[in-house]
Amino acid sequence: MITVRYFAGARAAAGVAEESLPAGITIADIGEGRGERLRKVLLSASFLVNGLAWHDRAAPLPAGATVDVLPPFAGG
């Protein structure tokens, strides 16, 4: 399993702050079947896997990983 943590707008779009998903899925798989709102947020989000930037949306996520979903933030 992996833990996916949603922040800010991603949390609102997902409807949960955190969830467990099967290991081996990809970043692209996270929003499958979860609605258009979450899909749009995921298209523009950044991802950290175990605290490190993860750019390959097609690479399988390792078992036990924590994935942080970070939508674009406004401010300055």
Protein backbone atom coordinates (compact mmCIF):
# COMPACT_ATOMS: atom_id res chain seq x y z
CA MET A 1 0.00 0.00 0.00
CA ILE A 2 0.94 3.66 -0.37
CA THR A 3 -0.33 6.67 1.54
CA VAL A 4 -1.54 9.63 -0.50
CA ARG A 5 -1.81 12.96 1.34
CA TYR A 6 -3.74 15.79 -0.30
CA PHE A 7 -3.06 19.44 0.49
CA ALA A 8 -5.08 22.65 -0.05
CA GLY A 9 -7.17 22.50 -3.24
CA ALA A 10 -6.24 18.87 -3.79
CA ARG A 11 -7.77 18.02 -0.41
CA ALA A 12 -10.97 19.83 -1.33
CA ALA A 13 -11.14 18.09 -4.71
CA ALA A 14 -10.44 14.62 -3.27
CA GLY A 15 -12.83 15.05 -0.36
CA VAL A 16 -10.29 13.49 2.01
CA ALA A 17 -6.99 14.58 3.53
CA GLU A 18 -5.36 11.17 3.21
CA GLU A 19 -6.04 7.74 1.77
CA SER A 20 -4.35 4.39 1.20
CA LEU A 21 -4.02 3.03 -2.33
CA PRO A 22 -2.36 -0.10 -3.74
CA ALA A 23 1.39 -0.02 -4.33
CA GLY A 24 2.46 -0.16 -7.95
CA ILE A 25 -0.05 2.41 -9.16
CA THR A 26 1.26 5.54 -10.85
CA ILE A 27 0.66 9.23 -10.23
CA ALA A 28 -1.58 9.15 -13.31
CA ASP A 29 -3.69 6.43 -11.63
CA ILE A 30 -4.39 8.37 -8.43
CA GLY A 31 -7.37 10.29 -9.79
CA GLU A 32 -8.91 7.44 -11.80
CA GLY A 33 -12.65 7.35 -11.28
CA ARG A 34 -12.56 10.22 -8.79
CA GLY A 35 -14.19 12.93 -10.87
CA GLU A 36 -13.26 15.82 -13.10
CA ARG A 37 -12.43 18.24 -10.29
CA LEU A 38 -9.68 16.05 -8.84
CA ARG A 39 -8.41 15.14 -12.29
CA LYS A 40 -7.91 18.83 -13.11
CA VAL A 41 -6.08 19.49 -9.85
CA LEU A 42 -3.79 16.50 -10.42
CA LEU A 43 -2.86 17.77 -13.90
CA SER A 44 -1.32 20.91 -12.42
CA ALA A 45 -0.09 19.50 -9.09
CA SER A 46 3.43 18.72 -7.98
CA PHE A 47 4.18 15.46 -6.22
CA LEU A 48 6.60 14.42 -3.49
CA VAL A 49 7.28 10.74 -2.91
CA ASN A 50 8.90 10.12 0.46
CA GLY A 51 9.81 13.81 0.53
CA LEU A 52 11.49 13.91 -2.89
CA ALA A 53 10.12 15.50 -6.06
CA TRP A 54 8.56 12.90 -8.35
CA HIS A 55 8.24 13.91 -12.01
CA ASP A 56 7.51 10.62 -13.79
CA ARG A 57 3.73 10.28 -13.72
CA ALA A 58 3.96 6.84 -15.38
CA ALA A 59 6.45 5.23 -12.97
CA PRO A 60 5.05 2.73 -10.45
CA LEU A 61 4.98 4.03 -6.90
CA PRO A 62 6.88 1.82 -4.43
CA ALA A 63 5.21 -0.07 -1.61
CA GLY A 64 5.17 1.88 1.64
CA ALA A 65 5.62 5.25 -0.09
CA THR A 66 4.03 8.46 1.10
CA VAL A 67 2.86 10.63 -1.78
CA ASP A 68 2.14 14.31 -1.14
CA VAL A 69 -0.12 15.99 -3.69
CA LEU A 70 0.68 19.70 -3.83
CA PRO A 71 -1.53 21.87 -6.02
CA PRO A 72 -0.21 25.24 -7.21
CA PHE A 73 -0.26 27.74 -4.37
CA ALA A 74 -0.97 31.45 -4.73
CA GLY A 75 0.65 34.15 -2.66
CA GLY A 76 3.98 35.74 -2.28
